N, C-alpha and C. Protein backbone atom coordinates (compact mmCIF):
# COMPACT_ATOMS: atom_id res chain seq x y z
N UNK A 1 -213.47 99.05 42.38
CA UNK A 1 -214.31 98.46 41.37
C UNK A 1 -215.00 97.18 41.88
N UNK A 2 -214.27 96.40 42.67
CA UNK A 2 -214.84 95.16 43.20
C UNK A 2 -216.02 95.47 44.11
N UNK A 3 -215.93 96.55 44.88
CA UNK A 3 -217.03 96.96 45.75
C UNK A 3 -218.26 97.33 44.95
N UNK A 4 -218.05 97.93 43.80
CA UNK A 4 -219.15 98.33 42.93
C UNK A 4 -219.86 97.10 42.36
N UNK A 5 -219.07 96.12 41.94
CA UNK A 5 -219.67 94.89 41.41
C UNK A 5 -220.42 94.14 42.50
N UNK A 6 -219.85 94.11 43.69
CA UNK A 6 -220.53 93.45 44.81
C UNK A 6 -221.82 94.18 45.14
N UNK A 7 -221.79 95.51 45.10
CA UNK A 7 -222.98 96.30 45.40
C UNK A 7 -224.10 95.99 44.40
N UNK A 8 -223.75 95.85 43.14
CA UNK A 8 -224.75 95.51 42.13
C UNK A 8 -225.35 94.14 42.41
N UNK A 9 -224.51 93.19 42.78
CA UNK A 9 -225.01 91.84 43.08
C UNK A 9 -225.96 91.85 44.26
N UNK A 10 -225.58 92.54 45.33
CA UNK A 10 -226.46 92.64 46.49
C UNK A 10 -227.76 93.34 46.12
N UNK A 11 -227.66 94.43 45.36
CA UNK A 11 -228.85 95.19 44.98
C UNK A 11 -229.79 94.33 44.14
N UNK A 12 -229.24 93.55 43.21
CA UNK A 12 -230.07 92.66 42.39
C UNK A 12 -230.76 91.60 43.24
N UNK A 13 -230.03 91.05 44.21
CA UNK A 13 -230.61 90.03 45.08
C UNK A 13 -231.73 90.61 45.93
N UNK A 14 -231.50 91.80 46.48
CA UNK A 14 -232.54 92.44 47.31
C UNK A 14 -233.75 92.79 46.45
N UNK A 15 -233.52 93.28 45.24
CA UNK A 15 -234.63 93.62 44.34
C UNK A 15 -235.43 92.37 43.98
N UNK A 16 -234.75 91.27 43.71
CA UNK A 16 -235.45 90.02 43.38
C UNK A 16 -236.32 89.56 44.55
N UNK A 17 -235.77 89.62 45.76
CA UNK A 17 -236.52 89.22 46.95
C UNK A 17 -237.70 90.17 47.19
N UNK A 18 -237.45 91.46 47.07
CA UNK A 18 -238.51 92.44 47.30
C UNK A 18 -239.61 92.33 46.26
N UNK A 19 -239.24 92.07 45.01
CA UNK A 19 -240.23 91.91 43.94
C UNK A 19 -241.07 90.66 44.19
N UNK A 20 -240.41 89.59 44.61
CA UNK A 20 -241.11 88.34 44.90
C UNK A 20 -242.13 88.53 46.02
N UNK A 21 -241.78 89.34 47.01
CA UNK A 21 -242.67 89.58 48.14
C UNK A 21 -243.58 90.80 47.92
N UNK A 22 -243.54 91.36 46.72
CA UNK A 22 -244.34 92.53 46.35
C UNK A 22 -244.10 93.73 47.29
N UNK A 23 -242.84 93.93 47.63
CA UNK A 23 -242.44 95.02 48.51
C UNK A 23 -241.36 95.90 47.86
N UNK A 24 -241.19 95.78 46.54
CA UNK A 24 -240.10 96.49 45.85
C UNK A 24 -240.19 98.00 46.03
N UNK A 25 -241.42 98.54 46.00
CA UNK A 25 -241.57 100.00 46.14
C UNK A 25 -241.26 100.46 47.56
N UNK A 26 -241.64 99.68 48.55
CA UNK A 26 -241.36 100.03 49.95
C UNK A 26 -239.85 99.98 50.20
N UNK A 27 -239.20 98.93 49.71
CA UNK A 27 -237.76 98.79 49.88
C UNK A 27 -237.04 99.91 49.12
N UNK A 28 -237.58 100.32 47.97
CA UNK A 28 -236.98 101.43 47.23
C UNK A 28 -237.01 102.71 48.07
N UNK A 29 -238.10 102.94 48.77
CA UNK A 29 -238.16 104.09 49.68
C UNK A 29 -237.10 104.01 50.76
N UNK A 30 -236.92 102.79 51.31
CA UNK A 30 -235.87 102.58 52.32
C UNK A 30 -234.49 102.88 51.75
N UNK A 31 -234.25 102.38 50.54
CA UNK A 31 -232.93 102.53 49.92
C UNK A 31 -232.63 104.00 49.60
N UNK A 32 -233.64 104.72 49.16
CA UNK A 32 -233.44 106.15 48.89
C UNK A 32 -233.12 106.90 50.19
N UNK A 33 -233.82 106.54 51.26
CA UNK A 33 -233.57 107.15 52.56
C UNK A 33 -232.15 106.84 53.04
N UNK A 34 -231.73 105.60 52.89
CA UNK A 34 -230.38 105.21 53.30
C UNK A 34 -229.33 105.96 52.48
N UNK A 35 -229.50 105.98 51.16
CA UNK A 35 -228.53 106.65 50.29
C UNK A 35 -228.43 108.14 50.62
N UNK A 36 -229.57 108.79 50.81
CA UNK A 36 -229.55 110.22 51.14
C UNK A 36 -228.90 110.48 52.50
N UNK A 37 -229.26 109.66 53.48
CA UNK A 37 -228.71 109.84 54.82
C UNK A 37 -227.20 109.62 54.84
N UNK A 38 -226.74 108.58 54.16
CA UNK A 38 -225.29 108.31 54.14
C UNK A 38 -224.52 109.38 53.38
N UNK A 39 -225.13 109.95 52.35
CA UNK A 39 -224.43 111.00 51.61
C UNK A 39 -224.37 112.30 52.41
N UNK A 40 -225.32 112.50 53.32
CA UNK A 40 -225.35 113.73 54.11
C UNK A 40 -224.68 113.59 55.48
N UNK A 41 -224.50 112.37 55.96
CA UNK A 41 -223.92 112.16 57.28
C UNK A 41 -222.54 111.51 57.16
N UNK A 42 -221.52 112.32 57.27
CA UNK A 42 -220.15 111.80 57.19
C UNK A 42 -219.85 110.88 58.37
N UNK A 43 -220.43 111.17 59.54
CA UNK A 43 -220.17 110.36 60.73
C UNK A 43 -220.67 108.93 60.55
N UNK A 44 -221.92 108.79 60.06
CA UNK A 44 -222.48 107.46 59.86
C UNK A 44 -221.74 106.72 58.76
N UNK A 45 -221.44 107.41 57.70
CA UNK A 45 -220.68 106.82 56.61
C UNK A 45 -219.31 106.35 57.06
N UNK A 46 -218.63 107.17 57.86
CA UNK A 46 -217.31 106.81 58.39
C UNK A 46 -217.40 105.60 59.32
N UNK A 47 -218.47 105.55 60.12
CA UNK A 47 -218.65 104.41 61.03
C UNK A 47 -218.76 103.11 60.24
N UNK A 48 -219.54 103.12 59.16
CA UNK A 48 -219.73 101.91 58.37
C UNK A 48 -218.44 101.48 57.68
N UNK A 49 -217.60 102.44 57.34
CA UNK A 49 -216.33 102.13 56.65
C UNK A 49 -215.20 101.80 57.62
N UNK A 50 -215.40 102.05 58.90
CA UNK A 50 -214.36 101.85 59.90
C UNK A 50 -214.16 100.35 60.16
N UNK A 51 -212.97 99.81 59.84
CA UNK A 51 -212.74 98.38 60.05
C UNK A 51 -212.57 98.00 61.53
N UNK A 52 -212.31 98.98 62.39
CA UNK A 52 -212.11 98.71 63.81
C UNK A 52 -213.44 98.62 64.56
N UNK A 53 -214.45 99.37 64.08
CA UNK A 53 -215.76 99.37 64.74
C UNK A 53 -216.40 97.98 64.66
N UNK A 54 -217.02 97.57 65.76
CA UNK A 54 -217.64 96.25 65.82
C UNK A 54 -218.91 96.23 64.96
N UNK A 55 -219.19 95.08 64.42
CA UNK A 55 -220.37 94.91 63.57
C UNK A 55 -221.66 95.22 64.31
N UNK A 56 -221.74 94.82 65.57
CA UNK A 56 -222.93 95.07 66.36
C UNK A 56 -223.13 96.57 66.60
N UNK A 57 -222.04 97.32 66.72
CA UNK A 57 -222.12 98.78 66.88
C UNK A 57 -222.69 99.40 65.60
N UNK A 58 -222.21 98.92 64.47
CA UNK A 58 -222.69 99.43 63.17
C UNK A 58 -224.19 99.13 63.01
N UNK A 59 -224.58 97.90 63.35
CA UNK A 59 -225.98 97.50 63.23
C UNK A 59 -226.86 98.33 64.16
N UNK A 60 -226.41 98.51 65.40
CA UNK A 60 -227.19 99.30 66.37
C UNK A 60 -227.34 100.74 65.89
N UNK A 61 -226.29 101.29 65.32
CA UNK A 61 -226.36 102.67 64.81
C UNK A 61 -227.36 102.77 63.66
N UNK A 62 -227.32 101.80 62.75
CA UNK A 62 -228.24 101.82 61.62
C UNK A 62 -229.69 101.67 62.07
N UNK A 63 -229.92 100.77 63.02
CA UNK A 63 -231.29 100.57 63.51
C UNK A 63 -231.79 101.78 64.30
N UNK A 64 -230.87 102.51 64.95
CA UNK A 64 -231.25 103.73 65.67
C UNK A 64 -231.58 104.85 64.70
N UNK A 65 -230.80 104.95 63.63
CA UNK A 65 -231.01 106.02 62.63
C UNK A 65 -232.23 105.70 61.77
N UNK A 66 -232.42 104.41 61.44
CA UNK A 66 -233.53 103.99 60.58
C UNK A 66 -234.44 103.01 61.33
N UNK A 67 -235.29 103.52 62.24
CA UNK A 67 -236.08 102.60 63.06
C UNK A 67 -237.27 101.94 62.34
N UNK A 68 -237.73 102.52 61.24
CA UNK A 68 -238.95 102.01 60.62
C UNK A 68 -238.71 101.42 59.23
N UNK A 69 -237.65 100.63 59.08
CA UNK A 69 -237.35 100.03 57.79
C UNK A 69 -238.09 98.71 57.62
N UNK A 70 -238.27 98.33 56.37
CA UNK A 70 -238.89 97.05 56.04
C UNK A 70 -237.97 95.91 56.47
N UNK A 71 -238.56 94.75 56.73
CA UNK A 71 -237.77 93.60 57.19
C UNK A 71 -236.76 93.14 56.13
N UNK A 72 -237.06 93.36 54.87
CA UNK A 72 -236.11 93.00 53.81
C UNK A 72 -234.85 93.85 53.93
N UNK A 73 -235.04 95.14 54.18
CA UNK A 73 -233.91 96.05 54.32
C UNK A 73 -233.08 95.71 55.55
N UNK A 74 -233.74 95.45 56.67
CA UNK A 74 -232.98 95.08 57.87
C UNK A 74 -232.31 93.72 57.69
N UNK A 75 -232.91 92.85 56.88
CA UNK A 75 -232.28 91.58 56.55
C UNK A 75 -230.99 91.79 55.76
N UNK A 76 -230.98 92.82 54.92
CA UNK A 76 -229.77 93.17 54.18
C UNK A 76 -228.65 93.55 55.15
N UNK A 77 -229.01 94.29 56.21
CA UNK A 77 -228.01 94.66 57.22
C UNK A 77 -227.37 93.40 57.80
N UNK A 78 -228.20 92.41 58.12
CA UNK A 78 -227.71 91.16 58.70
C UNK A 78 -226.73 90.46 57.75
N UNK A 79 -227.11 90.39 56.48
CA UNK A 79 -226.25 89.73 55.49
C UNK A 79 -224.93 90.47 55.34
N UNK A 80 -224.99 91.80 55.27
CA UNK A 80 -223.77 92.60 55.12
C UNK A 80 -222.87 92.46 56.35
N UNK A 81 -223.46 92.39 57.52
CA UNK A 81 -222.66 92.22 58.73
C UNK A 81 -221.98 90.85 58.73
N UNK A 82 -222.74 89.81 58.39
CA UNK A 82 -222.14 88.46 58.41
C UNK A 82 -221.06 88.31 57.34
N UNK A 83 -221.18 89.05 56.24
CA UNK A 83 -220.18 88.98 55.17
C UNK A 83 -219.11 90.06 55.29
N UNK A 84 -219.19 90.87 56.36
CA UNK A 84 -218.24 91.97 56.60
C UNK A 84 -218.14 92.91 55.40
N UNK A 85 -219.33 93.35 54.92
CA UNK A 85 -219.39 94.24 53.76
C UNK A 85 -220.23 95.50 54.04
N UNK A 86 -220.33 95.91 55.29
CA UNK A 86 -221.16 97.07 55.64
C UNK A 86 -220.73 98.35 54.93
N UNK A 87 -219.46 98.45 54.55
CA UNK A 87 -218.96 99.68 53.93
C UNK A 87 -219.60 99.96 52.57
N UNK A 88 -220.22 98.96 51.95
CA UNK A 88 -220.82 99.19 50.63
C UNK A 88 -222.34 99.40 50.69
N UNK A 89 -222.88 99.60 51.89
CA UNK A 89 -224.33 99.79 52.04
C UNK A 89 -224.84 100.97 51.20
N UNK A 90 -224.17 102.10 51.25
CA UNK A 90 -224.61 103.27 50.48
C UNK A 90 -224.60 103.00 48.99
N UNK A 91 -223.59 102.31 48.53
CA UNK A 91 -223.49 101.96 47.11
C UNK A 91 -224.62 100.99 46.72
N UNK A 92 -224.91 100.05 47.59
CA UNK A 92 -226.01 99.10 47.33
C UNK A 92 -227.33 99.85 47.22
N UNK A 93 -227.55 100.80 48.13
CA UNK A 93 -228.79 101.57 48.12
C UNK A 93 -228.95 102.34 46.81
N UNK A 94 -227.87 102.95 46.33
CA UNK A 94 -227.93 103.68 45.06
C UNK A 94 -228.20 102.74 43.90
N UNK A 95 -227.51 101.60 43.86
CA UNK A 95 -227.69 100.63 42.78
C UNK A 95 -229.11 100.06 42.79
N UNK A 96 -229.64 99.81 43.98
CA UNK A 96 -231.01 99.29 44.09
C UNK A 96 -232.00 100.26 43.46
N UNK A 97 -231.88 101.54 43.81
CA UNK A 97 -232.80 102.54 43.27
C UNK A 97 -232.70 102.63 41.76
N UNK A 98 -231.48 102.55 41.24
CA UNK A 98 -231.30 102.58 39.78
C UNK A 98 -231.93 101.35 39.12
N UNK A 99 -231.72 100.18 39.72
CA UNK A 99 -232.31 98.96 39.18
C UNK A 99 -233.83 98.98 39.27
N UNK A 100 -234.35 99.52 40.38
CA UNK A 100 -235.80 99.63 40.55
C UNK A 100 -236.40 100.54 39.48
N UNK A 101 -235.76 101.70 39.26
CA UNK A 101 -236.23 102.62 38.23
C UNK A 101 -236.22 101.95 36.87
N UNK A 102 -235.17 101.19 36.59
CA UNK A 102 -235.06 100.48 35.32
C UNK A 102 -236.18 99.46 35.19
N UNK A 103 -236.47 98.74 36.26
CA UNK A 103 -237.54 97.75 36.27
C UNK A 103 -238.90 98.41 36.00
N UNK A 104 -239.08 99.60 36.54
CA UNK A 104 -240.34 100.32 36.37
C UNK A 104 -240.41 101.09 35.04
N UNK A 105 -239.35 101.00 34.23
CA UNK A 105 -239.33 101.69 32.94
C UNK A 105 -239.07 103.18 33.07
N UNK A 106 -238.44 103.56 34.16
CA UNK A 106 -238.15 104.97 34.41
C UNK A 106 -236.65 105.19 34.27
N UNK A 107 -236.28 106.26 33.60
CA UNK A 107 -234.86 106.58 33.43
C UNK A 107 -234.56 107.93 34.04
N UNK A 108 -233.30 108.11 34.37
CA UNK A 108 -232.86 109.41 34.88
C UNK A 108 -232.05 110.08 33.79
N UNK A 109 -232.46 111.27 33.44
CA UNK A 109 -231.74 112.06 32.46
C UNK A 109 -230.95 113.11 33.22
N UNK A 110 -229.65 113.13 33.00
CA UNK A 110 -228.78 114.12 33.66
C UNK A 110 -228.46 115.21 32.66
N UNK A 111 -228.85 116.42 33.00
CA UNK A 111 -228.57 117.56 32.16
C UNK A 111 -227.55 118.44 32.88
N UNK A 112 -226.38 118.59 32.27
CA UNK A 112 -225.34 119.44 32.84
C UNK A 112 -225.38 120.78 32.12
N UNK A 113 -225.54 121.84 32.88
CA UNK A 113 -225.59 123.19 32.32
C UNK A 113 -224.63 124.08 33.09
N UNK A 114 -224.34 125.23 32.51
CA UNK A 114 -223.42 126.17 33.16
C UNK A 114 -224.12 126.96 34.26
N UNK A 115 -225.44 126.93 34.26
CA UNK A 115 -226.23 127.65 35.26
C UNK A 115 -227.47 126.81 35.58
N UNK A 116 -228.10 127.02 36.74
CA UNK A 116 -229.30 126.23 37.08
C UNK A 116 -230.42 126.44 36.05
N UNK A 117 -231.10 125.36 35.70
CA UNK A 117 -232.17 125.44 34.71
C UNK A 117 -233.40 126.09 35.32
N UNK A 118 -234.10 126.86 34.50
CA UNK A 118 -235.37 127.43 34.93
C UNK A 118 -236.45 126.36 34.79
N UNK A 119 -237.58 126.57 35.42
CA UNK A 119 -238.66 125.58 35.34
C UNK A 119 -239.21 125.46 33.92
N UNK A 120 -239.25 126.58 33.17
CA UNK A 120 -239.71 126.52 31.78
C UNK A 120 -238.79 125.66 30.93
N UNK A 121 -237.48 125.87 31.10
CA UNK A 121 -236.51 125.09 30.34
C UNK A 121 -236.57 123.61 30.73
N UNK A 122 -236.79 123.35 32.00
CA UNK A 122 -236.89 121.98 32.49
C UNK A 122 -238.08 121.26 31.84
N UNK A 123 -239.20 121.94 31.72
CA UNK A 123 -240.40 121.37 31.09
C UNK A 123 -240.12 121.05 29.63
N UNK A 124 -239.46 121.96 28.92
CA UNK A 124 -239.14 121.74 27.50
C UNK A 124 -238.19 120.56 27.33
N UNK A 125 -237.17 120.49 28.21
CA UNK A 125 -236.20 119.39 28.12
C UNK A 125 -236.89 118.06 28.41
N UNK A 126 -237.73 118.01 29.42
CA UNK A 126 -238.46 116.77 29.75
C UNK A 126 -239.34 116.32 28.59
N UNK A 127 -240.03 117.27 27.93
CA UNK A 127 -240.89 116.94 26.80
C UNK A 127 -240.06 116.35 25.65
N UNK A 128 -238.91 116.94 25.38
CA UNK A 128 -238.04 116.45 24.30
C UNK A 128 -237.48 115.07 24.63
N UNK A 129 -237.08 114.86 25.87
CA UNK A 129 -236.53 113.58 26.28
C UNK A 129 -237.59 112.49 26.19
N UNK A 130 -238.80 112.80 26.64
CA UNK A 130 -239.88 111.84 26.60
C UNK A 130 -240.20 111.44 25.15
N UNK A 131 -240.11 112.43 24.26
CA UNK A 131 -240.34 112.20 22.83
C UNK A 131 -239.27 111.25 22.27
N UNK A 132 -238.04 111.39 22.73
CA UNK A 132 -236.93 110.58 22.23
C UNK A 132 -236.91 109.18 22.81
N UNK A 133 -237.27 109.02 24.08
CA UNK A 133 -237.10 107.72 24.74
C UNK A 133 -238.38 106.93 24.93
N UNK A 134 -239.53 107.57 24.92
CA UNK A 134 -240.81 106.91 25.20
C UNK A 134 -240.84 106.23 26.56
N UNK A 135 -240.08 106.77 27.51
CA UNK A 135 -240.06 106.25 28.87
C UNK A 135 -240.34 107.38 29.84
N UNK A 136 -240.76 107.00 31.04
CA UNK A 136 -240.90 108.00 32.09
C UNK A 136 -239.49 108.44 32.49
N UNK A 137 -239.27 109.72 32.53
CA UNK A 137 -237.93 110.24 32.77
C UNK A 137 -237.94 111.20 33.95
N UNK A 138 -236.99 111.01 34.84
CA UNK A 138 -236.77 111.97 35.92
C UNK A 138 -235.56 112.80 35.52
N UNK A 139 -235.65 114.09 35.74
CA UNK A 139 -234.59 115.00 35.32
C UNK A 139 -233.72 115.40 36.50
N UNK A 140 -232.42 115.33 36.29
CA UNK A 140 -231.45 115.75 37.30
C UNK A 140 -230.56 116.81 36.68
N UNK A 141 -230.55 117.99 37.26
CA UNK A 141 -229.74 119.09 36.73
C UNK A 141 -228.44 119.19 37.51
N UNK A 142 -227.33 119.16 36.78
CA UNK A 142 -226.01 119.30 37.36
C UNK A 142 -225.43 120.61 36.83
N UNK A 143 -224.98 121.46 37.73
CA UNK A 143 -224.41 122.75 37.31
C UNK A 143 -222.89 122.62 37.29
N UNK A 144 -222.32 122.91 36.12
CA UNK A 144 -220.87 122.85 35.94
C UNK A 144 -220.47 124.04 35.07
N UNK A 145 -219.93 125.06 35.70
CA UNK A 145 -219.59 126.29 35.00
C UNK A 145 -218.48 126.10 33.97
N UNK A 146 -217.73 125.01 34.06
CA UNK A 146 -216.62 124.80 33.13
C UNK A 146 -217.08 124.51 31.71
N UNK A 147 -218.37 124.17 31.52
CA UNK A 147 -218.84 123.92 30.14
C UNK A 147 -219.16 125.22 29.42
N UNK A 148 -219.08 126.34 30.13
CA UNK A 148 -219.24 127.70 29.61
C UNK A 148 -220.66 128.04 29.16
N UNK A 149 -221.33 127.16 28.48
CA UNK A 149 -222.70 127.40 28.01
C UNK A 149 -223.20 126.15 27.33
N UNK A 150 -224.44 126.18 26.85
CA UNK A 150 -225.02 125.00 26.23
C UNK A 150 -225.39 123.98 27.29
N UNK A 151 -225.35 122.70 26.91
CA UNK A 151 -225.71 121.64 27.85
C UNK A 151 -225.10 120.32 27.43
N UNK A 152 -225.06 119.39 28.38
CA UNK A 152 -224.67 118.00 28.12
C UNK A 152 -225.82 117.15 28.65
N UNK A 153 -226.42 116.35 27.79
CA UNK A 153 -227.55 115.50 28.16
C UNK A 153 -227.08 114.06 28.18
N UNK A 154 -227.33 113.38 29.30
CA UNK A 154 -226.95 111.97 29.41
C UNK A 154 -228.17 111.17 29.87
N UNK A 155 -228.56 110.20 29.03
CA UNK A 155 -229.67 109.30 29.36
C UNK A 155 -229.13 107.88 29.23
N UNK A 156 -229.07 107.19 30.35
CA UNK A 156 -228.51 105.83 30.32
C UNK A 156 -227.07 105.88 29.88
N UNK A 157 -226.76 105.16 28.81
CA UNK A 157 -225.38 105.14 28.32
C UNK A 157 -225.19 106.03 27.09
N UNK A 158 -226.19 106.85 26.77
CA UNK A 158 -226.08 107.77 25.64
C UNK A 158 -225.82 109.18 26.14
N UNK A 159 -224.99 109.90 25.40
CA UNK A 159 -224.67 111.27 25.79
C UNK A 159 -224.70 112.17 24.56
N UNK A 160 -225.30 113.34 24.73
CA UNK A 160 -225.32 114.36 23.69
C UNK A 160 -224.66 115.60 24.27
N UNK A 161 -223.54 116.00 23.68
CA UNK A 161 -222.76 117.12 24.21
C UNK A 161 -222.93 118.33 23.30
N UNK A 162 -223.71 119.31 23.75
CA UNK A 162 -223.91 120.55 23.01
C UNK A 162 -223.35 121.72 23.82
N UNK A 163 -222.26 121.46 24.52
CA UNK A 163 -221.67 122.50 25.35
C UNK A 163 -220.73 123.37 24.53
N UNK A 164 -220.57 124.60 24.98
CA UNK A 164 -219.67 125.53 24.31
C UNK A 164 -218.22 125.04 24.42
N UNK A 165 -217.86 124.48 25.58
CA UNK A 165 -216.49 123.99 25.75
C UNK A 165 -216.19 122.85 24.78
N UNK A 166 -217.17 121.99 24.51
CA UNK A 166 -216.98 120.90 23.55
C UNK A 166 -216.77 121.46 22.14
N UNK A 167 -217.56 122.46 21.77
CA UNK A 167 -217.42 123.06 20.44
C UNK A 167 -216.07 123.76 20.30
N UNK A 168 -215.62 124.41 21.36
CA UNK A 168 -214.30 125.05 21.33
C UNK A 168 -213.19 124.02 21.20
N UNK A 169 -213.32 122.90 21.90
CA UNK A 169 -212.33 121.83 21.81
C UNK A 169 -212.28 121.24 20.40
N UNK A 170 -213.44 121.10 19.74
CA UNK A 170 -213.48 120.60 18.36
C UNK A 170 -212.75 121.56 17.43
N UNK A 171 -213.01 122.85 17.61
CA UNK A 171 -212.32 123.85 16.78
C UNK A 171 -210.81 123.80 17.01
N UNK A 172 -210.42 123.66 18.25
CA UNK A 172 -209.00 123.60 18.59
C UNK A 172 -208.33 122.40 17.92
N UNK A 173 -209.02 121.24 17.94
CA UNK A 173 -208.48 120.04 17.29
C UNK A 173 -208.37 120.23 15.79
N UNK A 174 -209.35 120.88 15.18
CA UNK A 174 -209.32 121.13 13.73
C UNK A 174 -208.14 122.01 13.36
N UNK A 175 -207.89 123.06 14.13
CA UNK A 175 -206.81 123.97 13.82
C UNK A 175 -205.44 123.33 14.05
N UNK A 176 -205.33 122.48 15.05
CA UNK A 176 -204.05 121.85 15.32
C UNK A 176 -203.72 120.75 14.33
N UNK A 177 -204.73 120.17 13.70
CA UNK A 177 -204.50 119.12 12.69
C UNK A 177 -204.04 119.71 11.37
N UNK A 178 -204.43 120.94 11.09
CA UNK A 178 -204.08 121.55 9.80
C UNK A 178 -202.79 122.29 9.83
């Protein structure tokens, strides 16, 4: 949990600096690239989390993997190295993108379904979400067969659960109470 709070603090600081220098969108591209690369590369992620690996080795690896980053992003590497916090780089990148989207008035709606959504259904869901929130919304579909059917919609801190498993659980609770 402490790493998560630290990641938010670093992400806010980087966003403030990038916004001040009018580079927030460029740094957001860097952060998305870093987050995607770290989630797909177990070797790089393990290197950053390795307490035995030297800081200069970690920095050299990052600069080799990401040669064309903005100076603000490479400055973040320097700060993380000096504070011995390189292991939270991926978390910082994710938090930065979320904060950037929030700053731009864009939200991510997570729709959990038992099967992948079709493009027609995705269009309908986006239209309904836009009607409810009046914000630009990016849709993320999560497939979870355990919900059996229906969907679970999560926008920010609000959740609407219309899954079959939720309805079955409600029925089960009703019968056990009586």
